[in-house]
Amino acid sequence: MESAREMRFPVAAGAPGSKKVQEGSKSQRRGQWRKGKAKASRLSHSMDLHTMTQSLVTLAEDNMAFFSSQGPGETARRLSSVFAGVREQALGLEPTLGRLLSVAHLFDLDTETPANGYRSLVHTARCCLLHLLHKSRYVASNRRSIFFRTSHNLAELEAYLATLTQLRALAYYAQQLLATNQPGRLFFEGDERITADFLHEYVSLHKGCFYGRCLGFQFTPAIRPFLQTVSIGLVSFGEHYKRNETGLSVTASSLFTGGRFAIDPELRGAEFERIVQNLDVHFWKAFWNITEIQVLSDSEELSSLVRSEGPRSLELRSRPQQAPRSRRLVVHIHGGGFVAQTSKSHEPYLKSWAQELGAPILSIDYSLAPEAPFPRALEECFYAYCWAVKHCALLGSTGERICLAGDSAGGNLCFTVSLRAAAYGVRVPDGIMAAYPATMLQTTASPSRLLSLMDPLLPLSMLSKCVSAYAGGETEDHCDSDQKALGVMGLVQRDTALLFRDLRLGASSWLNSFLELSGHKSHPNSVPTAEPMRSSVSETALAQPEGPLGMDSLKGLTLHDLSLRGSSETPDTPELSLSAGARGHSTPSAVNFLLRPEGTSEESEAGDELSAKDRVQGVCAAFPEGFQPRRSSHGAKRTTLYSSPIVKNPFMSPLLAPDSMLQTLPPVHIVACALDPMLDDSVMFARRLRSLSQPVTLRVVEDLPHGFLGLAALCRETRQAAALCVERIRLVLNPPGPPV
């Protein structure tokens, strides 16, 4: 005890200069500790997987033996048990990660871009092992100290052990995907019933451990405080949402700064899991938009404008030194899962982009789902793009070089707007910059999609709800009224959404009848008649006539088959988006994305005899004997995995577009995130374009979450990633000149 006091207080109290010496001593020790931790982290990162695992196992066994010898106390028993669990899970996880890592290179775009979902999953598991290694070293070095915080360290170890257990389950799922999927494919292509069973099994896993103490452990440390603030705000907003309170009645301070969720990470994790599984798309729309509502309500200037009385006139003043029109123009389409956010949400980084690029930026505010489902957003963005091309002078540009730029859902719309421009004969942009785009909206499994189990910004249930809303399948009208209410405007929007849903259900019923009959009819005249409908992107694609080979010969077509069909076979595929009066007959490859789910063929009829329980047992067969992951205590009663032919429309899932359509795209620049559940969307889309000899670049940033553009001012890493996006736009606006 005396030596401890001497180490802590090297200068006697009251001695001359004692306070200054103590402060200096503390700062020196703190600096030495940080340097030591940074050095240990560098050494750990340089370890291979086997060396790291063996080091962790050795430390776990040492700590287990120590706490087992400390008597029958409950705390010592739990510490011994947790280290025994760490040892078991680490030894079980290592061979699976090794197998995934040994084949991960087969799914990269090229040797210079080592990125795909398998690599990301291994990296995430390695981050968890690395944290447990640091914590085990700390415990081994300080377990005898009187300053050792037993309860805190025990809680953290138990949380990371639960995380490691769930990561082991994800590694087994990824291994099964690797074994059952087609070679070189990241997205599962097979019986859709098996896919649904796989995803239902996956969403039943416990997720709360990823949202508590371990929240954002896989991301750069500078991001974690922001994620913690968002998680506190989300669960707090969930309580207000349950009590029928609107976002306008909630202050930002009450949501994001306090409450019991801020001091109890386990409670926050459990509530976060319940919310992401059991609340509808209207909750996500309200939560994502609350920052804009709060900004508007807190702005004194805007409030004074609202309170002012009498007519107001807008005076246009001429600029004495007006700059010449720029040769460049950027058309921006914002993200938000097709259901939330506006251009105002993205205004902070767009202002800096305009200054850095020296070009005007037109950001499009399009109608959002579920009130305005597909193809409303696409039609509005396409119209705005056409207007910008024709009236670029009004935007301060000559329009010599035009770049389409967007993030997430906006990236998806950038691709589809360009595809539609090519089909209509409108000028195609000179290039596209898409940040972490969504290119596959079909419900399917992929290794990067497994990361949605732990991603606080893109949980799988929320992704499914957004896709369902955009596809017109938002049918969650059986949920409790106290979970749906968002005030008067929310009720009006919901009634509008229900009207669109009813219209969509009628169209879907007609579509399903058409597809079922077309697969068995003997002549084209057996197609049932329907009421005339307004021709649009989706309707034109849905109304394709039967090809000369018939529908039966096309049921087995997959993404691989699409890549084998060149433009020579489907010269008229771009006419998919033409109006009904101008469109010609399409070839079979132009309609394969609308086929009924596999399982109606003779080969899959035998699978009907298998019950859902048998298929789920097949999914779980990847687990070794004696291992079972933790299951969710909240259940997935309302986690619907939406599936409809419309999500296979290439104007909704551009990854499924035929080759002849993709060949009309301009140069594409993609900036993706290694830890994004939608990473595989970017990798597979870039691989398809590369296989068609289309100009494409893919840059993958490390340790950042989906949506980093909205966090551009948060830290150095996000600023660098945003600068990379600007660099890609600059390549479109200022292409390198021809070699001299």
Foldseek 3Di string as FASTA:
>chain_A
DVVVVCVQQVDDPPPVCSVVVNVVVVVVVVVVVVVVVVVVLVVLVPDDLVVLLVLLLVLLVVLLVVLVPPDDDPLSVLSNVLSVLSNVLSVLQSVLLVVLVVCQQLQFLDPVGSFDLSVLLSLQLSLLSSVSSVLSVVCVVPVPPPPDPSVVSSVVSVLSSQVSQLSSVLSLLQVVCVVQADRNDQWRDDFVLLQVLLVQLLLQFAQLSLQFPVPLSFFDPLCRVVSLQLLQLLLQVQVCLLQLHALLVDASCSRRPDDPCSVGRSVSSLSLSLPLQPFALLSLQRSQCSVVSNVCVPDPVNVVVVPDDDDDDDDDDDDPDDDAFAQEEEEEEEDDLQAHDFVVLLVVLVVVLCVVLVYFYHYDGFDGWLLDAPPRRLVRSLVVVLVCCVPVVVRRHPPNAYEYEYEACRLLSLLLSQLLCVLVVHDHHQEYEYELYFQALASTDGSLLSLLSNHSVRNPLNSQNSSCGNNLNRDPPPDDPSNQRNPPVSVVSVVSSVVSSVVVVVVQVLLVVQQVCQQPPPDQVPRDDDDDDFQFLLVLLSPAGAAPVGDVVLQSDDLVNLLVDACVNWVQLSNSGPGPVPGDHGHPSSNSLQHDRPLPDPVNVVVVVDDSVNSSVVSVVSDDPPRDRHTRPSRNPPRDRDHHSSSSRCSNNVSNGHNNSLVSHHAYEYEYESNESSPNSVSSSSSSCVSSVHHYYYHYAYSDYRPLSSVCVSDDSSVVSSVVSSVVVSCSVPPDDDDD
